[in-house]
PDB file of N, CA and C in Angstrom:
ATOM      1  N   UNK A   1      71.982  28.871 125.913  1.00  0.00           N
ATOM      2  CA  UNK A   1      71.431  29.241 124.662  1.00  0.00           C
ATOM      3  C   UNK A   1      71.959  30.554 124.149  1.00  0.00           C
ATOM      4  N   UNK A   2      71.934  30.644 122.861  1.00  0.00           N
ATOM      5  CA  UNK A   2      72.364  31.862 122.188  1.00  0.00           C
ATOM      6  C   UNK A   2      71.224  32.843 122.036  1.00  0.00           C
ATOM      7  N   UNK A   3      71.463  33.834 121.238  1.00  0.00           N
ATOM      8  CA  UNK A   3      70.435  34.843 120.985  1.00  0.00           C
ATOM      9  C   UNK A   3      69.587  34.413 119.792  1.00  0.00           C
ATOM     10  N   UNK A   4      68.362  34.892 119.758  1.00  0.00           N
ATOM     11  CA  UNK A   4      67.476  34.586 118.631  1.00  0.00           C
ATOM     12  C   UNK A   4      67.930  35.364 117.402  1.00  0.00           C
ATOM     13  N   UNK A   5      67.389  34.999 116.251  1.00  0.00           N
ATOM     14  CA  UNK A   5      67.728  35.708 115.011  1.00  0.00           C
ATOM     15  C   UNK A   5      67.328  37.175 115.102  1.00  0.00           C
ATOM     16  N   UNK A   6      66.168  37.449 115.692  1.00  0.00           N
ATOM     17  CA  UNK A   6      65.724  38.834 115.852  1.00  0.00           C
ATOM     18  C   UNK A   6      66.627  39.616 116.782  1.00  0.00           C
ATOM     19  N   UNK A   7      67.066  38.966 117.878  1.00  0.00           N
ATOM     20  CA  UNK A   7      67.981  39.629 118.810  1.00  0.00           C
ATOM     21  C   UNK A   7      69.325  39.907 118.148  1.00  0.00           C
ATOM     22  N   UNK A   8      69.813  38.957 117.361  1.00  0.00           N
ATOM     23  CA  UNK A   8      71.074  39.160 116.646  1.00  0.00           C
ATOM     24  C   UNK A   8      70.955  40.329 115.675  1.00  0.00           C
ATOM     25  N   UNK A   9      69.800  40.435 115.025  1.00  0.00           N
ATOM     26  CA  UNK A   9      69.571  41.535 114.095  1.00  0.00           C
ATOM     27  C   UNK A   9      69.585  42.870 114.842  1.00  0.00           C
ATOM     28  N   UNK A  10      68.969  42.923 116.013  1.00  0.00           N
ATOM     29  CA  UNK A  10      68.965  44.148 116.817  1.00  0.00           C
ATOM     30  C   UNK A  10      70.368  44.503 117.296  1.00  0.00           C
ATOM     31  N   UNK A  11      71.166  43.512 117.674  1.00  0.00           N
ATOM     32  CA  UNK A  11      72.544  43.771 118.098  1.00  0.00           C
ATOM     33  C   UNK A  11      73.378  44.333 116.950  1.00  0.00           C
ATOM     34  N   UNK A  12      73.215  43.780 115.760  1.00  0.00           N
ATOM     35  CA  UNK A  12      73.948  44.289 114.596  1.00  0.00           C
ATOM     36  C   UNK A  12      73.543  45.725 114.294  1.00  0.00           C
ATOM     37  N   UNK A  13      72.266  46.007 114.414  1.00  0.00           N
ATOM     38  CA  UNK A  13      71.787  47.366 114.186  1.00  0.00           C
ATOM     39  C   UNK A  13      72.368  48.318 115.234  1.00  0.00           C
ATOM     40  N   UNK A  14      72.390  47.897 116.494  1.00  0.00           N
ATOM     41  CA  UNK A  14      72.948  48.732 117.571  1.00  0.00           C
ATOM     42  C   UNK A  14      74.424  49.027 117.321  1.00  0.00           C
ATOM     43  N   UNK A  15      75.177  48.038 116.854  1.00  0.00           N
ATOM     44  CA  UNK A  15      76.597  48.264 116.531  1.00  0.00           C
ATOM     45  C   UNK A  15      76.741  49.319 115.447  1.00  0.00           C
ATOM     46  N   UNK A  16      75.893  49.248 114.418  1.00  0.00           N
ATOM     47  CA  UNK A  16      75.955  50.245 113.341  1.00  0.00           C
ATOM     48  C   UNK A  16      75.633  51.631 113.879  1.00  0.00           C
ATOM     49  N   UNK A  17      74.658  51.712 114.758  1.00  0.00           N
ATOM     50  CA  UNK A  17      74.259  53.005 115.314  1.00  0.00           C
ATOM     51  C   UNK A  17      75.385  53.600 116.151  1.00  0.00           C
ATOM     52  N   UNK A  18      76.045  52.783 116.947  1.00  0.00           N
ATOM     53  CA  UNK A  18      77.122  53.258 117.823  1.00  0.00           C
ATOM     54  C   UNK A  18      78.395  53.610 117.058  1.00  0.00           C
ATOM     55  N   UNK A  19      78.621  52.963 115.908  1.00  0.00           N
ATOM     56  CA  UNK A  19      79.838  53.208 115.130  1.00  0.00           C
ATOM     57  C   UNK A  19      79.823  54.552 114.421  1.00  0.00           C
ATOM     58  N   UNK A  20      78.648  55.162 114.258  1.00  0.00           N
ATOM     59  CA  UNK A  20      78.508  56.455 113.591  1.00  0.00           C
ATOM     60  C   UNK A  20      79.164  56.457 112.202  1.00  0.00           C
ATOM     61  N   UNK A  21      78.771  55.518 111.343  1.00  0.00           N
ATOM     62  CA  UNK A  21      79.419  55.396 110.032  1.00  0.00           C
ATOM     63  C   UNK A  21      78.941  56.447 109.036  1.00  0.00           C
ATOM     64  N   UNK A  22      79.755  56.700 108.013  1.00  0.00           N
ATOM     65  CA  UNK A  22      79.358  57.588 106.927  1.00  0.00           C
ATOM     66  C   UNK A  22      78.484  56.871 105.912  1.00  0.00           C
ATOM     67  N   UNK A  23      78.662  55.565 105.794  1.00  0.00           N
ATOM     68  CA  UNK A  23      77.888  54.727 104.874  1.00  0.00           C
ATOM     69  C   UNK A  23      77.235  53.613 105.679  1.00  0.00           C
ATOM     70  N   UNK A  24      75.943  53.427 105.459  1.00  0.00           N
ATOM     71  CA  UNK A  24      75.195  52.379 106.154  1.00  0.00           C
ATOM     72  C   UNK A  24      74.571  51.468 105.103  1.00  0.00           C
ATOM     73  N   UNK A  25      74.823  50.164 105.208  1.00  0.00           N
ATOM     74  CA  UNK A  25      74.208  49.175 104.324  1.00  0.00           C
ATOM     75  C   UNK A  25      73.347  48.265 105.197  1.00  0.00           C
ATOM     76  N   UNK A  26      72.055  48.230 104.903  1.00  0.00           N
ATOM     77  CA  UNK A  26      71.119  47.401 105.666  1.00  0.00           C
ATOM     78  C   UNK A  26      70.430  46.436 104.708  1.00  0.00           C
ATOM     79  N   UNK A  27      70.633  45.157 104.933  1.00  0.00           N
ATOM     80  CA  UNK A  27      70.040  44.113 104.094  1.00  0.00           C
ATOM     81  C   UNK A  27      68.903  43.470 104.874  1.00  0.00           C
ATOM     82  N   UNK A  28      67.663  43.792 104.479  1.00  0.00           N
ATOM     83  CA  UNK A  28      66.481  43.258 105.156  1.00  0.00           C
ATOM     84  C   UNK A  28      66.586  43.517 106.660  1.00  0.00           C
ATOM     85  N   UNK A  29      66.769  44.776 107.023  1.00  0.00           N
ATOM     86  CA  UNK A  29      67.079  45.166 108.404  1.00  0.00           C
ATOM     87  C   UNK A  29      66.029  44.742 109.417  1.00  0.00           C
ATOM     88  N   UNK A  30      64.792  44.594 108.998  1.00  0.00           N
ATOM     89  CA  UNK A  30      63.747  44.258 109.973  1.00  0.00           C
ATOM     90  C   UNK A  30      63.049  42.941 109.655  1.00  0.00           C
ATOM     91  N   UNK A  31      63.669  42.105 108.849  1.00  0.00           N
ATOM     92  CA  UNK A  31      62.995  40.894 108.372  1.00  0.00           C
ATOM     93  C   UNK A  31      62.665  39.891 109.471  1.00  0.00           C
ATOM     94  N   UNK A  32      63.384  39.900 110.584  1.00  0.00           N
ATOM     95  CA  UNK A  32      63.159  38.899 111.637  1.00  0.00           C
ATOM     96  C   UNK A  32      62.594  39.516 112.910  1.00  0.00           C
ATOM     97  N   UNK A  33      61.986  40.679 112.764  1.00  0.00           N
ATOM     98  CA  UNK A  33      61.469  41.386 113.935  1.00  0.00           C
ATOM     99  C   UNK A  33      59.950  41.338 113.969  1.00  0.00           C
ATOM    100  N   UNK A  34      59.406  41.403 115.171  1.00  0.00           N
ATOM    101  CA  UNK A  34      57.957  41.483 115.301  1.00  0.00           C
ATOM    102  C   UNK A  34      57.508  42.881 114.869  1.00  0.00           C
ATOM    103  N   UNK A  35      56.236  43.049 114.493  1.00  0.00           N
ATOM    104  CA  UNK A  35      55.763  44.336 113.956  1.00  0.00           C
ATOM    105  C   UNK A  35      56.015  45.537 114.872  1.00  0.00           C
ATOM    106  N   UNK A  36      55.851  45.384 116.173  1.00  0.00           N
ATOM    107  CA  UNK A  36      56.059  46.520 117.082  1.00  0.00           C
ATOM    108  C   UNK A  36      57.529  46.932 117.108  1.00  0.00           C
ATOM    109  N   UNK A  37      58.423  45.964 117.190  1.00  0.00           N
ATOM    110  CA  UNK A  37      59.857  46.262 117.191  1.00  0.00           C
ATOM    111  C   UNK A  37      60.272  46.827 115.841  1.00  0.00           C
ATOM    112  N   UNK A  38      59.679  46.301 114.766  1.00  0.00           N
ATOM    113  CA  UNK A  38      60.003  46.788 113.422  1.00  0.00           C
ATOM    114  C   UNK A  38      59.713  48.282 113.293  1.00  0.00           C
ATOM    115  N   UNK A  39      58.597  48.742 113.836  1.00  0.00           N
ATOM    116  CA  UNK A  39      58.267  50.172 113.766  1.00  0.00           C
ATOM    117  C   UNK A  39      59.330  51.008 114.470  1.00  0.00           C
ATOM    118  N   UNK A  40      59.790  50.545 115.621  1.00  0.00           N
ATOM    119  CA  UNK A  40      60.844  51.270 116.351  1.00  0.00           C
ATOM    120  C   UNK A  40      62.148  51.279 115.552  1.00  0.00           C
ATOM    121  N   UNK A  41      62.476  50.142 114.954  1.00  0.00           N
ATOM    122  CA  UNK A  41      63.710  50.045 114.175  1.00  0.00           C
ATOM    123  C   UNK A  41      63.639  50.953 112.954  1.00  0.00           C
ATOM    124  N   UNK A  42      62.490  50.991 112.275  1.00  0.00           N
ATOM    125  CA  UNK A  42      62.371  51.850 111.096  1.00  0.00           C
ATOM    126  C   UNK A  42      62.561  53.317 111.459  1.00  0.00           C
ATOM    127  N   UNK A  43      62.035  53.745 112.599  1.00  0.00           N
ATOM    128  CA  UNK A  43      62.252  55.124 113.055  1.00  0.00           C
ATOM    129  C   UNK A  43      63.729  55.352 113.370  1.00  0.00           C
ATOM    130  N   UNK A  44      64.360  54.381 113.989  1.00  0.00           N
ATOM    131  CA  UNK A  44      65.788  54.495 114.296  1.00  0.00           C
ATOM    132  C   UNK A  44      66.629  54.520 113.025  1.00  0.00           C
ATOM    133  N   UNK A  45      66.230  53.744 112.026  1.00  0.00           N
ATOM    134  CA  UNK A  45      66.941  53.752 110.739  1.00  0.00           C
ATOM    135  C   UNK A  45      66.865  55.137 110.118  1.00  0.00           C
ATOM    136  N   UNK A  46      65.702  55.770 110.167  1.00  0.00           N
ATOM    137  CA  UNK A  46      65.577  57.131 109.621  1.00  0.00           C
ATOM    138  C   UNK A  46      66.542  58.075 110.330  1.00  0.00           C
ATOM    139  N   UNK A  47      66.642  57.960 111.648  1.00  0.00           N
ATOM    140  CA  UNK A  47      67.576  58.816 112.401  1.00  0.00           C
ATOM    141  C   UNK A  47      69.024  58.470 112.061  1.00  0.00           C
ATOM    142  N   UNK A  48      69.323  57.182 111.957  1.00  0.00           N
ATOM    143  CA  UNK A  48      70.681  56.746 111.639  1.00  0.00           C
ATOM    144  C   UNK A  48      71.124  57.263 110.276  1.00  0.00           C
ATOM    145  N   UNK A  49      70.212  57.253 109.303  1.00  0.00           N
ATOM    146  CA  UNK A  49      70.560  57.643 107.940  1.00  0.00           C
ATOM    147  C   UNK A  49      70.574  59.151 107.727  1.00  0.00           C
ATOM    148  N   UNK A  50      70.075  59.909 108.679  1.00  0.00           N
ATOM    149  CA  UNK A  50      70.043  61.363 108.529  1.00  0.00           C
ATOM    150  C   UNK A  50      71.465  61.894 108.341  1.00  0.00           C
ATOM    151  N   UNK A  51      71.718  62.491 107.187  1.00  0.00           N
ATOM    152  CA  UNK A  51      73.032  63.045 106.890  1.00  0.00           C
ATOM    153  C   UNK A  51      74.055  62.018 106.447  1.00  0.00           C
ATOM    154  N   UNK A  52      73.617  60.788 106.183  1.00  0.00           N
ATOM    155  CA  UNK A  52      74.528  59.733 105.755  1.00  0.00           C
ATOM    156  C   UNK A  52      74.032  59.118 104.450  1.00  0.00           C
ATOM    157  N   UNK A  53      74.936  58.431 103.802  1.00  0.00           N
ATOM    158  CA  UNK A  53      74.555  57.636 102.640  1.00  0.00           C
ATOM    159  C   UNK A  53      74.138  56.259 103.138  1.00  0.00           C
ATOM    160  N   UNK A  54      73.003  55.797 102.664  1.00  0.00           N
ATOM    161  CA  UNK A  54      72.523  54.486 103.069  1.00  0.00           C
ATOM    162  C   UNK A  54      72.082  53.665 101.879  1.00  0.00           C
ATOM    163  N   UNK A  55      72.308  52.385 101.968  1.00  0.00           N
ATOM    164  CA  UNK A  55      71.813  51.428 100.984  1.00  0.00           C
ATOM    165  C   UNK A  55      70.904  50.475 101.749  1.00  0.00           C
ATOM    166  N   UNK A  56      69.611  50.490 101.402  1.00  0.00           N
ATOM    167  CA  UNK A  56      68.646  49.609 102.052  1.00  0.00           C
ATOM    168  C   UNK A  56      68.219  48.549 101.055  1.00  0.00           C
ATOM    169  N   UNK A  57      68.382  47.314 101.419  1.00  0.00           N
ATOM    170  CA  UNK A  57      67.940  46.199 100.588  1.00  0.00           C
ATOM    171  C   UNK A  57      66.679  45.662 101.245  1.00  0.00           C
ATOM    172  N   UNK A  58      65.571  45.672 100.501  1.00  0.00           N
ATOM    173  CA  UNK A  58      64.301  45.322 101.136  1.00  0.00           C
ATOM    174  C   UNK A  58      63.345  44.668 100.156  1.00  0.00           C
ATOM    175  N   UNK A  59      62.622  43.681 100.659  1.00  0.00           N
ATOM    176  CA  UNK A  59      61.486  43.129  99.936  1.00  0.00           C
ATOM    177  C   UNK A  59      60.203  43.776 100.433  1.00  0.00           C
ATOM    178  N   UNK A  60      60.204  44.196 101.692  1.00  0.00           N
ATOM    179  CA  UNK A  60      59.044  44.844 102.287  1.00  0.00           C
ATOM    180  C   UNK A  60      59.064  46.311 101.857  1.00  0.00           C
ATOM    181  N   UNK A  61      58.234  46.653 100.872  1.00  0.00           N
ATOM    182  CA  UNK A  61      58.282  47.980 100.254  1.00  0.00           C
ATOM    183  C   UNK A  61      57.926  49.102 101.213  1.00  0.00           C
ATOM    184  N   UNK A  62      57.154  48.816 102.235  1.00  0.00           N
ATOM    185  CA  UNK A  62      56.801  49.860 103.196  1.00  0.00           C
ATOM    186  C   UNK A  62      58.035  50.400 103.911  1.00  0.00           C
ATOM    187  N   UNK A  63      59.097  49.608 103.978  1.00  0.00           N
ATOM    188  CA  UNK A  63      60.315  50.070 104.647  1.00  0.00           C
ATOM    189  C   UNK A  63      61.099  51.063 103.797  1.00  0.00           C
ATOM    190  N   UNK A  64      60.659  51.295 102.565  1.00  0.00           N
ATOM    191  CA  UNK A  64      61.337  52.237 101.669  1.00  0.00           C
ATOM    192  C   UNK A  64      60.598  53.563 101.553  1.00  0.00           C
ATOM    193  N   UNK A  65      59.685  53.812 102.457  1.00  0.00           N
ATOM    194  CA  UNK A  65      58.846  55.011 102.363  1.00  0.00           C
ATOM    195  C   UNK A  65      59.634  56.305 102.447  1.00  0.00           C
ATOM    196  N   UNK A  66      60.787  56.295 103.084  1.00  0.00           N
ATOM    197  CA  UNK A  66      61.517  57.542 103.308  1.00  0.00           C
ATOM    198  C   UNK A  66      62.840  57.612 102.559  1.00  0.00           C
ATOM    199  N   UNK A  67      63.039  56.756 101.574  1.00  0.00           N
ATOM    200  CA  UNK A  67      64.293  56.806 100.819  1.00  0.00           C
ATOM    201  C   UNK A  67      64.193  57.852  99.715  1.00  0.00           C
ATOM    202  N   UNK A  68      65.337  58.325  99.255  1.00  0.00           N
ATOM    203  CA  UNK A  68      65.375  59.321  98.186  1.00  0.00           C
ATOM    204  C   UNK A  68      65.348  58.674  96.806  1.00  0.00           C
ATOM    205  N   UNK A  69      66.122  57.615  96.645  1.00  0.00           N
ATOM    206  CA  UNK A  69      66.324  56.992  95.342  1.00  0.00           C
ATOM    207  C   UNK A  69      66.083  55.492  95.452  1.00  0.00           C
ATOM    208  N   UNK A  70      65.527  54.917  94.386  1.00  0.00           N
ATOM    209  CA  UNK A  70      65.211  53.489  94.363  1.00  0.00           C
ATOM    210  C   UNK A  70      65.885  52.845  93.160  1.00  0.00           C
ATOM    211  N   UNK A  71      66.443  51.669  93.383  1.00  0.00           N
ATOM    212  CA  UNK A  71      66.943  50.822  92.303  1.00  0.00           C
ATOM    213  C   UNK A  71      66.162  49.513  92.391  1.00  0.00           C
ATOM    214  N   UNK A  72      65.529  49.128  91.299  1.00  0.00           N
ATOM    215  CA  UNK A  72      64.759  47.883  91.268  1.00  0.00           C
ATOM    216  C   UNK A  72      65.580  46.847  90.513  1.00  0.00           C
ATOM    217  N   UNK A  73      65.807  45.712  91.173  1.00  0.00           N
ATOM    218  CA  UNK A  73      66.541  44.615  90.560  1.00  0.00           C
ATOM    219  C   UNK A  73      65.578  43.478  90.262  1.00  0.00           C
ATOM    220  N   UNK A  74      65.792  42.814  89.140  1.00  0.00           N
ATOM    221  CA  UNK A  74      65.015  41.635  88.777  1.00  0.00           C
ATOM    222  C   UNK A  74      65.998  40.563  88.342  1.00  0.00           C
ATOM    223  N   UNK A  75      66.077  39.493  89.091  1.00  0.00           N
ATOM    224  CA  UNK A  75      67.032  38.416  88.820  1.00  0.00           C
ATOM    225  C   UNK A  75      68.451  38.960  88.704  1.00  0.00           C
ATOM    226  N   UNK A  76      68.806  39.883  89.600  1.00  0.00           N
ATOM    227  CA  UNK A  76      70.162  40.418  89.650  1.00  0.00           C
ATOM    228  C   UNK A  76      70.470  41.509  88.647  1.00  0.00           C
ATOM    229  N   UNK A  77      69.494  41.884  87.838  1.00  0.00           N
ATOM    230  CA  UNK A  77      69.719  42.935  86.838  1.00  0.00           C
ATOM    231  C   UNK A  77      68.961  44.191  87.225  1.00  0.00           C
ATOM    232  N   UNK A  78      69.618  45.332  87.050  1.00  0.00           N
ATOM    233  CA  UNK A  78      68.980  46.616  87.318  1.00  0.00           C
ATOM    234  C   UNK A  78      67.952  46.883  86.225  1.00  0.00           C
ATOM    235  N   UNK A  79      66.686  46.996  86.611  1.00  0.00           N
ATOM    236  CA  UNK A  79      65.628  47.226  85.626  1.00  0.00           C
ATOM    237  C   UNK A  79      65.015  48.616  85.755  1.00  0.00           C
ATOM    238  N   UNK A  80      65.311  49.302  86.870  1.00  0.00           N
ATOM    239  CA  UNK A  80      64.750  50.646  87.040  1.00  0.00           C
ATOM    240  C   UNK A  80      65.539  51.368  88.126  1.00  0.00           C
ATOM    241  N   UNK A  81      65.736  52.669  87.919  1.00  0.00           N
ATOM    242  CA  UNK A  81      66.476  53.484  88.881  1.00  0.00           C
ATOM    243  C   UNK A  81      65.958  54.907  88.787  1.00  0.00           C
ATOM    244  N   UNK A  82      65.706  55.521  89.924  1.00  0.00           N
ATOM    245  CA  UNK A  82      65.268  56.914  89.895  1.00  0.00           C
ATOM    246  C   UNK A  82      64.815  57.396  91.255  1.00  0.00           C
ATOM    247  N   UNK A  83      64.360  58.645  91.292  1.00  0.00           N
ATOM    248  CA  UNK A  83      63.848  59.234  92.528  1.00  0.00           C
ATOM    249  C   UNK A  83      62.597  58.474  92.957  1.00  0.00           C
ATOM    250  N   UNK A  84      62.496  58.160  94.227  1.00  0.00           N
ATOM    251  CA  UNK A  84      61.371  57.383  94.732  1.00  0.00           C
ATOM    252  C   UNK A  84      60.041  58.034  94.388  1.00  0.00           C
ATOM    253  N   UNK A  85      59.931  59.334  94.629  1.00  0.00           N
ATOM    254  CA  UNK A  85      58.663  60.031  94.385  1.00  0.00           C
ATOM    255  C   UNK A  85      58.235  59.923  92.931  1.00  0.00           C
ATOM    256  N   UNK A  86      59.182  60.103  92.010  1.00  0.00           N
ATOM    257  CA  UNK A  86      58.854  60.046  90.583  1.00  0.00           C
ATOM    258  C   UNK A  86      58.442  58.636  90.169  1.00  0.00           C
ATOM    259  N   UNK A  87      59.189  57.640  90.620  1.00  0.00           N
ATOM    260  CA  UNK A  87      58.857  56.260  90.258  1.00  0.00           C
ATOM    261  C   UNK A  87      57.526  55.832  90.867  1.00  0.00           C
ATOM    262  N   UNK A  88      57.281  56.232  92.109  1.00  0.00           N
ATOM    263  CA  UNK A  88      56.024  55.865  92.770  1.00  0.00           C
ATOM    264  C   UNK A  88      54.830  56.502  92.074  1.00  0.00           C
ATOM    265  N   UNK A  89      55.013  57.705  91.539  1.00  0.00           N
ATOM    266  CA  UNK A  89      53.910  58.417  90.885  1.00  0.00           C
ATOM    267  C   UNK A  89      53.669  57.951  89.456  1.00  0.00           C
ATOM    268  N   UNK A  90      54.629  57.255  88.870  1.00  0.00           N
ATOM    269  CA  UNK A  90      54.527  56.817  87.474  1.00  0.00           C
ATOM    270  C   UNK A  90      53.806  55.468  87.408  1.00  0.00           C
ATOM    271  N   UNK A  91      52.587  55.431  86.855  1.00  0.00           N
ATOM    272  CA  UNK A  91      51.836  54.169  86.814  1.00  0.00           C
ATOM    273  C   UNK A  91      52.490  53.106  85.928  1.00  0.00           C
ATOM    274  N   UNK A  92      53.444  53.518  85.090  1.00  0.00           N
ATOM    275  CA  UNK A  92      54.109  52.563  84.203  1.00  0.00           C
ATOM    276  C   UNK A  92      55.432  52.057  84.774  1.00  0.00           C
ATOM    277  N   UNK A  93      55.872  52.633  85.894  1.00  0.00           N
ATOM    278  CA  UNK A  93      57.157  52.213  86.453  1.00  0.00           C
ATOM    279  C   UNK A  93      57.011  50.862  87.149  1.00  0.00           C
ATOM    280  N   UNK A  94      58.067  50.107  87.147  1.00  0.00           N
ATOM    281  CA  UNK A  94      58.085  48.811  87.827  1.00  0.00           C
ATOM    282  C   UNK A  94      57.867  49.021  89.326  1.00  0.00           C
ATOM    283  N   UNK A  95      58.530  50.032  89.892  1.00  0.00           N
ATOM    284  CA  UNK A  95      58.394  50.313  91.320  1.00  0.00           C
ATOM    285  C   UNK A  95      56.957  50.691  91.663  1.00  0.00           C
ATOM    286  N   UNK A  96      56.333  51.535  90.854  1.00  0.00           N
ATOM    287  CA  UNK A  96      54.944  51.924  91.091  1.00  0.00           C
ATOM    288  C   UNK A  96      54.010  50.727  91.065  1.00  0.00           C
ATOM    289  N   UNK A  97      54.232  49.825  90.120  1.00  0.00           N
ATOM    290  CA  UNK A  97      53.402  48.617  90.038  1.00  0.00           C
ATOM    291  C   UNK A  97      53.630  47.700  91.242  1.00  0.00           C
ATOM    292  N   UNK A  98      54.881  47.629  91.708  1.00  0.00           N
ATOM    293  CA  UNK A  98      55.170  46.827  92.900  1.00  0.00           C
ATOM    294  C   UNK A  98      54.469  47.403  94.129  1.00  0.00           C
ATOM    295  N   UNK A  99      54.473  48.736  94.251  1.00  0.00           N
ATOM    296  CA  UNK A  99      53.771  49.375  95.369  1.00  0.00           C
ATOM    297  C   UNK A  99      52.285  49.055  95.321  1.00  0.00           C
ATOM    298  N   UNK A 100      51.699  49.151  94.123  1.00  0.00           N
ATOM    299  CA  UNK A 100      50.274  48.837  93.968  1.00  0.00           C
ATOM    300  C   UNK A 100      49.984  47.388  94.357  1.00  0.00           C
ATOM    301  N   UNK A 101      50.804  46.475  93.876  1.00  0.00           N
ATOM    302  CA  UNK A 101      50.594  45.052  94.151  1.00  0.00           C
ATOM    303  C   UNK A 101      50.726  44.743  95.645  1.00  0.00           C
ATOM    304  N   UNK A 102      51.595  45.486  96.322  1.00  0.00           N
ATOM    305  CA  UNK A 102      51.808  45.265  97.758  1.00  0.00           C
ATOM    306  C   UNK A 102      50.801  46.026  98.611  1.00  0.00           C
ATOM    307  N   UNK A 103      50.001  46.875  97.965  1.00  0.00           N
ATOM    308  CA  UNK A 103      49.036  47.670  98.714  1.00  0.00           C
ATOM    309  C   UNK A 103      49.678  48.752  99.559  1.00  0.00           C
ATOM    310  N   UNK A 104      50.833  49.228  99.121  1.00  0.00           N
ATOM    311  CA  UNK A 104      51.564  50.267  99.856  1.00  0.00           C
ATOM    312  C   UNK A 104      51.186  51.622  99.290  1.00  0.00           C
ATOM    313  N   UNK A 105      50.853  52.544 100.197  1.00  0.00           N
ATOM    314  CA  UNK A 105      50.518  53.904  99.744  1.00  0.00           C
ATOM    315  C   UNK A 105      51.729  54.545  99.092  1.00  0.00           C
ATOM    316  N   UNK A 106      51.458  55.284  98.043  1.00  0.00           N
ATOM    317  CA  UNK A 106      52.543  55.967  97.342  1.00  0.00           C
ATOM    318  C   UNK A 106      52.831  57.265  98.020  1.00  0.00           C
TER     319      UNK A 106
END
């Protein structure tokens, strides 16, 4: 047997961590992980991105708690872009409304 989808995701993440890249792109980095492993991965992602440029693609808004800038796409179109703190604090922003709907603390 091969590795599970979650194990494959962890292996890909480990390769990125070991490569020490200047740019990190993570597409749904924790989507196939159990909640306990996801917490460890999110902490590791914060360490990996320290001092680097990162692009995080996520549906789970809680995984964006520590990003600097947010781009919101709707059907492939950019509908909002700005500093995470400002967008989260703006009750009229699309990102702020998404956080509210997901029950994620701002």
